[in-house]
Amino acid sequence: MRPIRERTVPIILLIIVALYACGANATLAVAQTNQLKLVPHQIKLADGKAFSLNLSLDFGISVAAEGLKRVRFMARSPDDRIFVTDMYNLADNQKGAVYILDEFNPATASFKKVTPYLSGLRNPNSIAFYRDQSGVDWFYLALTDHLLRYKYVPGEQTPSAKPEVLATFPDYGLSYKYGGWHLTRTIAIGGNGKIYISVGSSCNACEEKEDIRASVGCQTSNSTPTAKR
């Protein structure tokens, strides 16, 4: 399936939704009686632009970080920092980055610092942290062409360790004769310590030429993935 081409605001935002005064019991009661009411919430940016988003009356919304382009996934690090991937735009590019969102201010519901952790990446979509049986922390990064992992050091602003390549994926780009979709790779780490990697199809309707396409691969934390459909 091709990605949906959405109409987006020029500056893509990372937004935190916070539940306000109404408690959990009251929220549940509203849901049970099917009386959910959406109301517009005004969002104002630092450059003066503004727009509205419709949310439940019981919720508030605020801008947590600005200046990001095409945010995809977030993950919390072992030292309690928020990491976020940014694919830059919809094209197949190497302008992607991973940012650290740090020093969250509860009063303003925003992060004081946005720090580049990695840059010049090929469509970084998904990230994850994992602590192995020996107690070593790892940072996993899924790119269009590779699954990488870095030894994670708490507090570092950029990784000092060299990346290890755990897997290689089809990376022919959008003009490949059999189709180039999808560009994204998504990872999740199960409670069994195994890593699951989804690799999208190369087209909307076709018989795939490679087993890894339109599949979820499964591997241990440092092995090569095996495709499972």
N, C-alpha and C. Protein backbone atom coordinates (compact mmCIF):
# COMPACT_ATOMS: atom_id res chain seq x y z
N MET A 1 0.83 -1.19 0.00
CA MET A 1 0.00 0.00 0.00
C MET A 1 0.87 1.24 0.00
N ARG A 2 0.55 2.21 -0.84
CA ARG A 2 1.34 3.43 -0.87
C ARG A 2 0.97 4.31 0.33
N PRO A 3 1.95 5.07 0.84
CA PRO A 3 1.66 5.93 1.97
C PRO A 3 0.60 6.96 1.61
N ILE A 4 -0.25 7.31 2.54
CA ILE A 4 -1.27 8.33 2.32
C ILE A 4 -0.61 9.69 2.26
N ARG A 5 -0.89 10.44 1.21
CA ARG A 5 -0.31 11.77 1.07
C ARG A 5 -1.21 12.76 1.80
N GLU A 6 -0.89 13.04 3.03
CA GLU A 6 -1.74 13.91 3.82
C GLU A 6 -1.43 15.37 3.56
N ARG A 7 -2.41 16.21 3.81
CA ARG A 7 -2.18 17.65 3.80
C ARG A 7 -1.73 18.02 5.20
N THR A 8 -0.53 18.54 5.33
CA THR A 8 0.04 18.79 6.64
C THR A 8 0.35 20.27 6.83
N VAL A 9 0.47 20.65 8.10
CA VAL A 9 0.92 21.99 8.44
C VAL A 9 2.39 22.09 8.05
N PRO A 10 2.88 23.26 7.56
CA PRO A 10 4.27 23.38 7.11
C PRO A 10 5.29 22.93 8.14
N ILE A 11 5.04 23.22 9.41
CA ILE A 11 5.96 22.77 10.45
C ILE A 11 5.27 21.64 11.20
N ILE A 12 5.84 20.44 11.12
CA ILE A 12 5.26 19.31 11.82
C ILE A 12 5.64 19.41 13.30
N LEU A 13 4.68 19.19 14.17
CA LEU A 13 4.90 19.37 15.59
C LEU A 13 4.86 18.05 16.33
N LEU A 14 5.54 18.02 17.44
CA LEU A 14 5.39 16.94 18.39
C LEU A 14 4.46 17.47 19.47
N ILE A 15 3.38 16.75 19.73
CA ILE A 15 2.34 17.29 20.60
C ILE A 15 2.10 16.35 21.77
N ILE A 16 1.95 16.92 22.92
CA ILE A 16 1.60 16.15 24.11
C ILE A 16 0.15 16.44 24.46
N VAL A 17 -0.63 15.41 24.65
CA VAL A 17 -2.01 15.57 25.06
C VAL A 17 -2.09 15.27 26.55
N ALA A 18 -2.66 16.18 27.30
CA ALA A 18 -2.72 16.02 28.75
C ALA A 18 -4.16 16.01 29.22
N LEU A 19 -4.48 15.09 30.12
CA LEU A 19 -5.81 15.04 30.70
C LEU A 19 -5.88 16.06 31.82
N TYR A 20 -6.90 16.92 31.75
CA TYR A 20 -7.04 17.98 32.73
C TYR A 20 -7.94 17.55 33.89
N ALA A 21 -8.71 18.49 34.42
CA ALA A 21 -9.34 18.33 35.71
C ALA A 21 -10.20 17.09 35.86
N CYS A 22 -10.86 16.68 34.83
CA CYS A 22 -11.79 15.55 34.94
C CYS A 22 -11.02 14.27 35.27
N GLY A 23 -11.43 13.55 36.30
CA GLY A 23 -10.76 12.34 36.72
C GLY A 23 -11.07 11.15 35.85
N ALA A 24 -10.40 10.02 36.14
CA ALA A 24 -10.55 8.82 35.32
C ALA A 24 -11.99 8.30 35.38
N ASN A 25 -12.62 8.37 36.55
CA ASN A 25 -13.97 7.84 36.68
C ASN A 25 -14.96 8.65 35.84
N ALA A 26 -14.80 9.97 35.85
CA ALA A 26 -15.68 10.82 35.06
C ALA A 26 -15.49 10.57 33.57
N THR A 27 -14.22 10.38 33.17
CA THR A 27 -13.93 10.10 31.76
C THR A 27 -14.57 8.79 31.33
N LEU A 28 -14.47 7.77 32.20
CA LEU A 28 -15.08 6.49 31.89
C LEU A 28 -16.58 6.61 31.77
N ALA A 29 -17.19 7.42 32.66
CA ALA A 29 -18.63 7.61 32.60
C ALA A 29 -19.06 8.25 31.30
N VAL A 30 -18.26 9.23 30.83
CA VAL A 30 -18.58 9.88 29.56
C VAL A 30 -18.52 8.88 28.42
N ALA A 31 -17.47 8.03 28.44
CA ALA A 31 -17.33 7.03 27.38
C ALA A 31 -18.48 6.04 27.41
N GLN A 32 -18.88 5.63 28.63
CA GLN A 32 -19.94 4.64 28.75
C GLN A 32 -21.28 5.16 28.27
N THR A 33 -21.52 6.44 28.46
CA THR A 33 -22.81 7.01 28.03
C THR A 33 -22.74 7.54 26.61
N ASN A 34 -21.57 7.35 25.98
CA ASN A 34 -21.42 7.73 24.57
C ASN A 34 -21.74 9.21 24.34
N GLN A 35 -21.26 10.06 25.24
CA GLN A 35 -21.53 11.48 25.14
C GLN A 35 -20.25 12.28 24.84
N LEU A 36 -19.33 11.66 24.12
CA LEU A 36 -18.09 12.32 23.79
C LEU A 36 -18.35 13.54 22.92
N LYS A 37 -17.80 14.66 23.31
CA LYS A 37 -17.99 15.90 22.57
C LYS A 37 -16.63 16.46 22.20
N LEU A 38 -16.41 16.69 20.92
CA LEU A 38 -15.15 17.25 20.45
C LEU A 38 -15.30 18.76 20.30
N VAL A 39 -14.32 19.47 20.80
CA VAL A 39 -14.32 20.92 20.71
C VAL A 39 -12.98 21.38 20.14
N PRO A 40 -12.94 22.50 19.43
CA PRO A 40 -11.67 22.97 18.86
C PRO A 40 -10.75 23.52 19.94
N HIS A 41 -9.47 23.14 19.83
CA HIS A 41 -8.42 23.67 20.70
C HIS A 41 -7.43 24.44 19.84
N GLN A 42 -7.19 25.67 20.17
CA GLN A 42 -6.31 26.52 19.38
C GLN A 42 -4.85 26.22 19.68
N ILE A 43 -4.04 26.03 18.62
CA ILE A 43 -2.61 25.81 18.74
C ILE A 43 -1.88 27.01 18.13
N LYS A 44 -0.97 27.60 18.89
CA LYS A 44 -0.19 28.74 18.40
C LYS A 44 1.28 28.37 18.38
N LEU A 45 1.94 28.69 17.27
CA LEU A 45 3.36 28.38 17.11
C LEU A 45 4.22 29.60 17.39
N ALA A 46 5.51 29.34 17.57
CA ALA A 46 6.44 30.43 17.89
C ALA A 46 6.54 31.44 16.77
N ASP A 47 6.32 31.01 15.51
CA ASP A 47 6.43 31.93 14.38
C ASP A 47 5.14 32.71 14.11
N GLY A 48 4.15 32.55 14.99
CA GLY A 48 2.90 33.29 14.84
C GLY A 48 1.79 32.53 14.15
N LYS A 49 2.10 31.40 13.52
CA LYS A 49 1.07 30.61 12.86
C LYS A 49 0.18 29.93 13.90
N ALA A 50 -1.07 29.68 13.49
CA ALA A 50 -2.02 29.06 14.42
C ALA A 50 -2.98 28.16 13.65
N PHE A 51 -3.49 27.15 14.32
CA PHE A 51 -4.50 26.26 13.75
C PHE A 51 -5.25 25.60 14.90
N SER A 52 -6.32 24.88 14.58
CA SER A 52 -7.13 24.24 15.60
C SER A 52 -7.15 22.73 15.41
N LEU A 53 -7.21 22.00 16.53
CA LEU A 53 -7.40 20.56 16.54
C LEU A 53 -8.59 20.25 17.42
N ASN A 54 -9.43 19.31 17.00
CA ASN A 54 -10.60 18.95 17.77
C ASN A 54 -10.27 17.82 18.75
N LEU A 55 -10.55 18.07 20.03
CA LEU A 55 -10.30 17.09 21.09
C LEU A 55 -11.51 17.02 22.00
N SER A 56 -11.54 15.99 22.81
CA SER A 56 -12.56 15.89 23.83
C SER A 56 -12.49 17.10 24.76
N LEU A 57 -13.63 17.46 25.29
CA LEU A 57 -13.71 18.61 26.20
C LEU A 57 -12.83 18.41 27.43
N ASP A 58 -12.59 17.15 27.79
CA ASP A 58 -11.82 16.84 29.00
C ASP A 58 -10.30 16.90 28.81
N PHE A 59 -9.85 17.14 27.57
CA PHE A 59 -8.43 17.11 27.29
C PHE A 59 -7.91 18.50 26.93
N GLY A 60 -6.61 18.68 27.19
CA GLY A 60 -5.91 19.87 26.73
C GLY A 60 -4.77 19.46 25.83
N ILE A 61 -4.25 20.38 25.05
CA ILE A 61 -3.17 20.06 24.11
C ILE A 61 -2.20 21.22 24.05
N SER A 62 -0.91 20.92 23.92
CA SER A 62 0.09 21.97 23.85
C SER A 62 1.23 21.51 22.96
N VAL A 63 2.03 22.45 22.51
CA VAL A 63 3.18 22.15 21.65
C VAL A 63 4.36 21.75 22.53
N ALA A 64 4.84 20.53 22.35
CA ALA A 64 5.96 20.03 23.15
C ALA A 64 7.30 20.37 22.52
N ALA A 65 7.36 20.40 21.17
CA ALA A 65 8.61 20.72 20.47
C ALA A 65 8.27 21.21 19.08
N GLU A 66 9.06 22.14 18.57
CA GLU A 66 8.86 22.68 17.22
C GLU A 66 10.13 22.51 16.39
N GLY A 67 9.97 22.71 15.07
CA GLY A 67 11.11 22.69 14.17
C GLY A 67 11.41 21.34 13.57
N LEU A 68 10.69 20.29 13.98
CA LEU A 68 10.88 18.97 13.40
C LEU A 68 10.12 18.87 12.08
N LYS A 69 10.50 17.91 11.24
CA LYS A 69 9.96 17.85 9.89
C LYS A 69 8.90 16.77 9.71
N ARG A 70 9.32 15.51 9.82
CA ARG A 70 8.39 14.39 9.63
C ARG A 70 8.63 13.35 10.73
N VAL A 71 8.08 13.63 11.88
CA VAL A 71 8.28 12.79 13.06
C VAL A 71 7.58 11.45 12.86
N ARG A 72 8.23 10.36 13.29
CA ARG A 72 7.67 9.02 13.13
C ARG A 72 7.44 8.34 14.49
N PHE A 73 8.50 7.86 15.13
CA PHE A 73 8.35 7.10 16.37
C PHE A 73 9.15 7.73 17.50
N MET A 74 8.72 7.45 18.73
CA MET A 74 9.43 7.89 19.92
C MET A 74 9.75 6.68 20.80
N ALA A 75 10.80 6.81 21.61
CA ALA A 75 11.16 5.76 22.57
C ALA A 75 11.84 6.42 23.77
N ARG A 76 11.60 5.85 24.95
CA ARG A 76 12.23 6.35 26.17
C ARG A 76 13.52 5.58 26.43
N SER A 77 14.59 6.29 26.68
CA SER A 77 15.89 5.68 26.89
C SER A 77 16.03 5.17 28.33
N PRO A 78 17.02 4.32 28.61
CA PRO A 78 17.22 3.83 29.98
C PRO A 78 17.48 4.94 30.99
N ASP A 79 18.03 6.08 30.54
CA ASP A 79 18.26 7.20 31.44
C ASP A 79 17.14 8.23 31.36
N ASP A 80 15.96 7.79 30.90
CA ASP A 80 14.72 8.57 30.98
C ASP A 80 14.71 9.80 30.07
N ARG A 81 15.30 9.67 28.90
CA ARG A 81 15.20 10.72 27.88
C ARG A 81 14.30 10.23 26.75
N ILE A 82 13.69 11.18 26.04
CA ILE A 82 12.82 10.84 24.92
C ILE A 82 13.60 10.99 23.62
N PHE A 83 13.65 9.91 22.82
CA PHE A 83 14.28 9.93 21.51
C PHE A 83 13.18 9.86 20.45
N VAL A 84 13.37 10.60 19.36
CA VAL A 84 12.35 10.67 18.32
C VAL A 84 13.01 10.63 16.95
N THR A 85 12.39 9.88 16.01
CA THR A 85 12.91 9.83 14.63
C THR A 85 12.23 10.88 13.78
N ASP A 86 12.97 11.39 12.80
CA ASP A 86 12.48 12.41 11.87
C ASP A 86 12.94 12.03 10.47
N MET A 87 12.00 11.69 9.58
CA MET A 87 12.34 11.24 8.22
C MET A 87 12.51 12.39 7.23
N TYR A 88 12.37 13.60 7.69
CA TYR A 88 12.57 14.84 6.92
C TYR A 88 11.41 15.13 5.98
N ASN A 89 11.09 14.23 5.03
CA ASN A 89 9.93 14.42 4.15
C ASN A 89 9.49 13.07 3.59
N LEU A 90 8.58 13.08 2.62
CA LEU A 90 8.03 11.84 2.06
C LEU A 90 8.95 11.18 1.04
N ALA A 91 9.99 11.89 0.60
CA ALA A 91 10.88 11.35 -0.43
C ALA A 91 11.85 10.34 0.16
N ASP A 92 12.47 9.54 -0.72
CA ASP A 92 13.55 8.65 -0.32
C ASP A 92 14.80 9.50 -0.18
N ASN A 93 15.23 9.77 1.03
CA ASN A 93 16.33 10.72 1.24
C ASN A 93 17.27 10.25 2.34
N GLN A 94 18.37 10.95 2.48
CA GLN A 94 19.34 10.69 3.54
C GLN A 94 19.51 11.93 4.41
N LYS A 95 18.39 12.60 4.65
CA LYS A 95 18.38 13.80 5.47
C LYS A 95 17.70 13.56 6.82
N GLY A 96 17.40 12.29 7.11
CA GLY A 96 16.71 11.98 8.35
C GLY A 96 17.61 12.13 9.57
N ALA A 97 16.96 12.16 10.74
CA ALA A 97 17.70 12.37 11.98
C ALA A 97 16.99 11.70 13.15
N VAL A 98 17.75 11.52 14.22
CA VAL A 98 17.19 11.12 15.51
C VAL A 98 17.50 12.26 16.48
N TYR A 99 16.48 12.71 17.20
CA TYR A 99 16.65 13.81 18.14
C TYR A 99 16.40 13.33 19.57
N ILE A 100 17.03 14.02 20.51
CA ILE A 100 16.75 13.83 21.93
C ILE A 100 15.90 14.99 22.40
N LEU A 101 14.75 14.67 22.99
CA LEU A 101 13.91 15.69 23.61
C LEU A 101 14.19 15.65 25.11
N ASP A 102 14.68 16.74 25.62
CA ASP A 102 15.21 16.73 26.99
C ASP A 102 14.69 17.92 27.79
N GLU A 103 14.81 17.79 29.11
CA GLU A 103 14.44 18.84 30.06
C GLU A 103 12.98 19.25 29.89
N PHE A 104 12.10 18.30 30.11
CA PHE A 104 10.67 18.58 30.00
C PHE A 104 10.21 19.49 31.13
N ASN A 105 9.45 20.51 30.79
CA ASN A 105 8.92 21.47 31.75
C ASN A 105 7.42 21.22 31.93
N PRO A 106 7.00 20.66 33.05
CA PRO A 106 5.58 20.38 33.26
C PRO A 106 4.70 21.62 33.22
N ALA A 107 5.26 22.76 33.61
CA ALA A 107 4.46 23.99 33.65
C ALA A 107 4.04 24.43 32.25
N THR A 108 4.93 24.24 31.28
CA THR A 108 4.62 24.63 29.89
C THR A 108 4.30 23.43 29.01
N ALA A 109 4.45 22.23 29.56
CA ALA A 109 4.24 20.98 28.81
C ALA A 109 5.09 20.96 27.54
N SER A 110 6.35 21.39 27.68
CA SER A 110 7.24 21.43 26.52
C SER A 110 8.66 21.06 26.93
N PHE A 111 9.46 20.67 25.93
CA PHE A 111 10.86 20.34 26.15
C PHE A 111 11.72 21.58 25.92
N LYS A 112 12.67 21.80 26.82
CA LYS A 112 13.56 22.96 26.70
C LYS A 112 14.64 22.73 25.64
N LYS A 113 15.04 21.45 25.45
CA LYS A 113 16.14 21.15 24.54
C LYS A 113 15.73 20.10 23.50
N VAL A 114 16.11 20.35 22.25
CA VAL A 114 15.97 19.38 21.17
C VAL A 114 17.36 19.22 20.57
N THR A 115 17.99 18.05 20.81
CA THR A 115 19.38 17.84 20.44
C THR A 115 19.50 16.77 19.37
N PRO A 116 20.20 17.04 18.26
CA PRO A 116 20.43 15.99 17.25
C PRO A 116 21.33 14.89 17.83
N TYR A 117 20.86 13.66 17.80
CA TYR A 117 21.64 12.51 18.27
C TYR A 117 22.36 11.84 17.10
N LEU A 118 21.66 11.70 15.97
CA LEU A 118 22.22 11.19 14.72
C LEU A 118 21.61 11.95 13.57
N SER A 119 22.36 12.15 12.48
CA SER A 119 21.84 12.86 11.32
C SER A 119 22.35 12.21 10.04
N GLY A 120 21.84 12.68 8.89
CA GLY A 120 22.25 12.12 7.61
C GLY A 120 21.81 10.69 7.43
N LEU A 121 20.62 10.36 7.92
CA LEU A 121 20.13 8.98 7.92
C LEU A 121 19.17 8.71 6.77
N ARG A 122 19.14 7.48 6.31
CA ARG A 122 18.26 7.05 5.22
C ARG A 122 16.90 6.66 5.80
N ASN A 123 15.99 7.59 5.79
CA ASN A 123 14.60 7.37 6.20
C ASN A 123 14.48 6.66 7.56
N PRO A 124 14.99 7.26 8.63
CA PRO A 124 14.90 6.62 9.95
C PRO A 124 13.45 6.59 10.43
N ASN A 125 12.92 5.41 10.64
CA ASN A 125 11.50 5.30 11.00
C ASN A 125 11.30 4.90 12.45
N SER A 126 11.97 3.83 12.87
CA SER A 126 11.66 3.24 14.17
C SER A 126 12.92 3.03 15.00
N ILE A 127 12.78 3.18 16.31
CA ILE A 127 13.90 3.01 17.23
C ILE A 127 13.43 2.20 18.45
N ALA A 128 14.39 1.62 19.15
CA ALA A 128 14.07 0.87 20.37
C ALA A 128 15.32 0.75 21.22
N PHE A 129 15.11 0.60 22.52
CA PHE A 129 16.20 0.35 23.46
C PHE A 129 16.03 -1.06 24.03
N TYR A 130 17.17 -1.69 24.31
CA TYR A 130 17.12 -3.05 24.85
C TYR A 130 18.35 -3.30 25.72
N ARG A 131 18.11 -3.91 26.88
CA ARG A 131 19.22 -4.29 27.78
C ARG A 131 19.41 -5.80 27.70
N ASP A 132 20.60 -6.24 27.30
CA ASP A 132 20.83 -7.66 27.12
C ASP A 132 21.09 -8.35 28.47
N GLN A 133 21.30 -9.65 28.42
CA GLN A 133 21.43 -10.44 29.64
C GLN A 133 22.66 -10.09 30.46
N SER A 134 23.64 -9.48 29.81
CA SER A 134 24.85 -9.07 30.53
C SER A 134 24.73 -7.66 31.11
N GLY A 135 23.58 -7.02 30.90
CA GLY A 135 23.35 -5.69 31.45
C GLY A 135 23.78 -4.55 30.56
N VAL A 136 24.15 -4.84 29.30
CA VAL A 136 24.55 -3.79 28.36
C VAL A 136 23.32 -3.23 27.66
N ASP A 137 23.23 -1.90 27.59
CA ASP A 137 22.13 -1.24 26.91
C ASP A 137 22.46 -1.00 25.44
N TRP A 138 21.47 -1.22 24.57
CA TRP A 138 21.65 -1.04 23.14
C TRP A 138 20.56 -0.14 22.58
N PHE A 139 20.95 0.63 21.58
CA PHE A 139 20.02 1.50 20.85
C PHE A 139 19.87 0.93 19.44
N TYR A 140 18.65 0.56 19.06
CA TYR A 140 18.37 -0.03 17.75
C TYR A 140 17.70 1.00 16.85
N LEU A 141 18.14 1.02 15.59
CA LEU A 141 17.67 2.01 14.63
C LEU A 141 17.33 1.31 13.31
N ALA A 142 16.09 1.45 12.85
CA ALA A 142 15.65 0.83 11.60
C ALA A 142 15.65 1.87 10.48
N LEU A 143 16.51 1.65 9.49
CA LEU A 143 16.59 2.49 8.29
C LEU A 143 16.01 1.72 7.11
N THR A 144 15.86 2.39 5.98
CA THR A 144 15.37 1.71 4.79
C THR A 144 16.25 0.52 4.43
N ASP A 145 17.55 0.72 4.46
CA ASP A 145 18.47 -0.31 3.98
C ASP A 145 19.09 -1.19 5.06
N HIS A 146 19.07 -0.76 6.32
CA HIS A 146 19.76 -1.52 7.37
C HIS A 146 19.02 -1.47 8.70
N LEU A 147 19.25 -2.48 9.50
CA LEU A 147 18.94 -2.43 10.93
C LEU A 147 20.26 -2.30 11.65
N LEU A 148 20.41 -1.21 12.41
CA LEU A 148 21.65 -0.93 13.12
C LEU A 148 21.42 -0.99 14.62
N ARG A 149 22.51 -1.23 15.35
CA ARG A 149 22.45 -1.05 16.79
C ARG A 149 23.74 -0.39 17.26
N TYR A 150 23.59 0.46 18.26
CA TYR A 150 24.72 1.15 18.89
C TYR A 150 24.73 0.78 20.37
N LYS A 151 25.90 0.61 20.93
CA LYS A 151 25.99 0.47 22.38
C LYS A 151 25.59 1.81 22.98
N TYR A 152 24.62 1.77 23.89
CA TYR A 152 24.08 3.02 24.42
C TYR A 152 24.78 3.40 25.72
N VAL A 153 25.23 4.66 25.77
CA VAL A 153 25.87 5.21 26.96
C VAL A 153 24.98 6.32 27.50
N PRO A 154 24.47 6.17 28.72
CA PRO A 154 23.59 7.19 29.29
C PRO A 154 24.23 8.57 29.29
N GLY A 155 23.44 9.57 28.92
CA GLY A 155 23.89 10.95 28.95
C GLY A 155 24.60 11.44 27.71
N GLU A 156 25.01 10.54 26.83
CA GLU A 156 25.70 10.97 25.61
C GLU A 156 24.78 11.77 24.70
N GLN A 157 25.33 12.82 24.08
CA GLN A 157 24.57 13.64 23.15
C GLN A 157 24.63 13.09 21.73
N THR A 158 25.60 12.24 21.47
CA THR A 158 25.72 11.52 20.20
C THR A 158 26.47 10.23 20.49
N PRO A 159 26.18 9.14 19.79
CA PRO A 159 26.81 7.86 20.16
C PRO A 159 28.32 7.85 19.91
N SER A 160 29.07 7.39 20.89
CA SER A 160 30.52 7.27 20.74
C SER A 160 30.89 5.93 20.10
N ALA A 161 30.01 4.95 20.22
CA ALA A 161 30.28 3.62 19.67
C ALA A 161 29.95 3.58 18.18
N LYS A 162 30.65 2.73 17.45
CA LYS A 162 30.37 2.51 16.04
C LYS A 162 29.13 1.63 15.90
N PRO A 163 28.34 1.84 14.85
CA PRO A 163 27.14 1.01 14.68
C PRO A 163 27.48 -0.39 14.21
N GLU A 164 26.68 -1.35 14.65
CA GLU A 164 26.75 -2.72 14.16
C GLU A 164 25.58 -2.94 13.20
N VAL A 165 25.84 -3.52 12.03
CA VAL A 165 24.80 -3.81 11.06
C VAL A 165 24.25 -5.20 11.35
N LEU A 166 22.99 -5.29 11.75
CA LEU A 166 22.38 -6.57 12.10
C LEU A 166 21.61 -7.18 10.93
N ALA A 167 21.15 -6.33 10.00
CA ALA A 167 20.36 -6.84 8.87
C ALA A 167 20.43 -5.83 7.73
N THR A 168 20.28 -6.36 6.51
CA THR A 168 20.23 -5.52 5.30
C THR A 168 18.90 -5.77 4.61
N PHE A 169 18.24 -4.67 4.17
CA PHE A 169 16.92 -4.76 3.56
C PHE A 169 16.96 -4.26 2.12
N PRO A 170 15.96 -4.62 1.31
CA PRO A 170 15.85 -4.06 -0.05
C PRO A 170 15.80 -2.54 0.00
N ASP A 171 16.60 -1.88 -0.84
CA ASP A 171 16.68 -0.42 -0.78
C ASP A 171 16.78 0.19 -2.17
N TYR A 172 15.97 -0.31 -3.10
CA TYR A 172 16.09 0.10 -4.49
C TYR A 172 15.55 1.51 -4.76
N GLY A 173 14.84 2.06 -3.79
CA GLY A 173 14.28 3.39 -4.01
C GLY A 173 12.92 3.32 -4.67
N LEU A 174 12.31 4.48 -4.84
CA LEU A 174 10.93 4.54 -5.32
C LEU A 174 10.80 4.22 -6.80
N SER A 175 11.89 4.25 -7.57
CA SER A 175 11.83 4.02 -9.01
C SER A 175 12.19 2.60 -9.41
N TYR A 176 12.35 1.70 -8.45
CA TYR A 176 12.70 0.31 -8.76
C TYR A 176 11.64 -0.32 -9.67
N LYS A 177 12.07 -1.17 -10.61
CA LYS A 177 11.16 -1.71 -11.61
C LYS A 177 10.04 -2.56 -11.02
N TYR A 178 10.29 -3.17 -9.84
CA TYR A 178 9.25 -3.94 -9.18
C TYR A 178 8.51 -3.10 -8.13
N GLY A 179 8.85 -1.83 -8.04
CA GLY A 179 8.23 -0.95 -7.05
C GLY A 179 9.14 -0.76 -5.86
N GLY A 180 9.13 0.43 -5.28
CA GLY A 180 10.03 0.72 -4.18
C GLY A 180 9.37 0.84 -2.82
N TRP A 181 8.06 0.81 -2.78
CA TRP A 181 7.37 0.95 -1.50
C TRP A 181 7.49 -0.36 -0.71
N HIS A 182 7.50 -0.31 0.57
CA HIS A 182 7.54 0.84 1.44
C HIS A 182 8.98 1.14 1.83
N LEU A 183 9.24 2.41 2.19
CA LEU A 183 10.58 2.80 2.59
C LEU A 183 10.86 2.55 4.07
N THR A 184 9.80 2.40 4.85
CA THR A 184 9.98 2.32 6.30
C THR A 184 10.16 0.90 6.80
N ARG A 185 10.92 0.77 7.87
CA ARG A 185 11.10 -0.48 8.59
C ARG A 185 10.77 -0.21 10.06
N THR A 186 10.00 -1.09 10.66
CA THR A 186 9.55 -0.86 12.03
C THR A 186 9.99 -2.01 12.92
N ILE A 187 10.50 -1.70 14.09
CA ILE A 187 11.00 -2.73 15.00
C ILE A 187 10.25 -2.69 16.33
N ALA A 188 10.16 -3.85 16.96
CA ALA A 188 9.61 -3.98 18.31
C ALA A 188 10.36 -5.11 18.99
N ILE A 189 10.58 -4.96 20.28
CA ILE A 189 11.30 -5.98 21.04
C ILE A 189 10.31 -6.63 22.00
N GLY A 190 10.17 -7.97 21.89
CA GLY A 190 9.21 -8.70 22.70
C GLY A 190 9.75 -9.04 24.07
N GLY A 191 8.84 -9.51 24.92
CA GLY A 191 9.24 -9.91 26.25
C GLY A 191 10.15 -11.13 26.26
N ASN A 192 10.22 -11.84 25.13
CA ASN A 192 11.11 -12.98 25.00
C ASN A 192 12.52 -12.58 24.57
N GLY A 193 12.76 -11.26 24.45
CA GLY A 193 14.09 -10.78 24.07
C GLY A 193 14.34 -10.79 22.58
N LYS A 194 13.36 -11.22 21.79
CA LYS A 194 13.54 -11.24 20.35
C LYS A 194 13.09 -9.93 19.72
N ILE A 195 13.70 -9.62 18.57
CA ILE A 195 13.39 -8.39 17.85
C ILE A 195 12.56 -8.73 16.63
N TYR A 196 11.49 -7.98 16.44
CA TYR A 196 10.60 -8.19 15.30
C TYR A 196 10.71 -6.97 14.39
N ILE A 197 10.92 -7.21 13.10
CA ILE A 197 11.14 -6.13 12.13
C ILE A 197 10.15 -6.30 10.98
N SER A 198 9.32 -5.30 10.76
CA SER A 198 8.40 -5.34 9.62
C SER A 198 9.04 -4.64 8.43
N VAL A 199 8.90 -5.26 7.27
CA VAL A 199 9.39 -4.70 6.01
C VAL A 199 8.21 -4.65 5.06
N GLY A 200 7.85 -3.47 4.61
CA GLY A 200 6.66 -3.30 3.80
C GLY A 200 6.78 -3.89 2.41
N SER A 201 5.65 -3.96 1.73
CA SER A 201 5.60 -4.50 0.37
C SER A 201 6.27 -3.56 -0.61
N SER A 202 6.59 -4.08 -1.80
CA SER A 202 7.24 -3.27 -2.83
C SER A 202 6.23 -2.62 -3.76
N CYS A 203 4.94 -2.91 -3.56
CA CYS A 203 3.93 -2.43 -4.50
C CYS A 203 2.56 -2.51 -3.83
N ASN A 204 1.54 -2.05 -4.56
CA ASN A 204 0.18 -2.14 -4.05
C ASN A 204 -0.44 -3.52 -4.29
N ALA A 205 -0.15 -4.14 -5.43
CA ALA A 205 -0.72 -5.44 -5.75
C ALA A 205 0.23 -6.19 -6.68
N CYS A 206 0.95 -7.17 -6.14
CA CYS A 206 1.89 -7.95 -6.95
C CYS A 206 2.35 -9.16 -6.16
N GLU A 207 3.03 -10.07 -6.83
CA GLU A 207 3.71 -11.17 -6.15
C GLU A 207 5.13 -10.71 -5.85
N GLU A 208 5.51 -10.74 -4.59
CA GLU A 208 6.80 -10.23 -4.19
C GLU A 208 7.94 -11.12 -4.72
N LYS A 209 9.05 -10.46 -5.06
CA LYS A 209 10.23 -11.16 -5.55
C LYS A 209 11.17 -11.58 -4.44
N GLU A 210 10.99 -11.01 -3.25
CA GLU A 210 11.88 -11.28 -2.12
C GLU A 210 11.06 -11.71 -0.91
N ASP A 211 11.53 -12.71 -0.20
CA ASP A 211 10.80 -13.24 0.95
C ASP A 211 10.61 -12.21 2.06
N ILE A 212 11.57 -11.32 2.21
CA ILE A 212 11.52 -10.36 3.31
C ILE A 212 10.45 -9.31 3.13
N ARG A 213 9.99 -9.12 1.87
CA ARG A 213 8.97 -8.11 1.60
C ARG A 213 7.61 -8.53 2.17
N ALA A 214 6.85 -7.52 2.63
CA ALA A 214 5.50 -7.74 3.18
C ALA A 214 5.53 -8.81 4.27
N SER A 215 6.49 -8.69 5.16
CA SER A 215 6.67 -9.70 6.20
C SER A 215 7.14 -9.05 7.50
N VAL A 216 7.11 -9.84 8.54
CA VAL A 216 7.71 -9.46 9.82
C VAL A 216 8.84 -10.44 10.10
N GLY A 217 10.06 -9.92 10.19
CA GLY A 217 11.20 -10.76 10.49
C GLY A 217 11.40 -10.91 11.99
N CYS A 218 11.96 -12.03 12.40
CA CYS A 218 12.20 -12.30 13.81
C CYS A 218 13.66 -12.69 14.00
N GLN A 219 14.30 -12.11 15.01
CA GLN A 219 15.69 -12.43 15.28
C GLN A 219 16.01 -12.19 16.74
N THR A 220 17.13 -12.77 17.19
CA THR A 220 17.63 -12.43 18.51
C THR A 220 18.32 -11.07 18.41
N SER A 221 18.80 -10.57 19.51
CA SER A 221 19.27 -9.19 19.56
C SER A 221 20.48 -8.91 18.68
N ASN A 222 21.17 -9.94 18.21
CA ASN A 222 22.37 -9.69 17.40
C ASN A 222 22.47 -10.64 16.21
N SER A 223 21.33 -11.19 15.74
CA SER A 223 21.37 -12.15 14.64
C SER A 223 20.69 -11.58 13.40
N THR A 224 20.66 -12.39 12.34
CA THR A 224 20.02 -12.00 11.08
C THR A 224 18.55 -12.40 11.11
N PRO A 225 17.63 -11.51 10.65
CA PRO A 225 16.20 -11.81 10.75
C PRO A 225 15.75 -12.91 9.79
N THR A 226 14.76 -13.69 10.24
CA THR A 226 14.11 -14.67 9.39
C THR A 226 12.70 -14.20 9.13
N ALA A 227 12.29 -14.14 7.86
CA ALA A 227 10.97 -13.61 7.51
C ALA A 227 9.88 -14.56 7.95
N LYS A 228 8.81 -13.96 8.53
CA LYS A 228 7.61 -14.70 8.91
C LYS A 228 6.41 -13.98 8.35
N ARG A 229 5.52 -14.69 7.66
CA ARG A 229 4.34 -14.07 7.09
C ARG A 229 3.10 -14.44 7.91
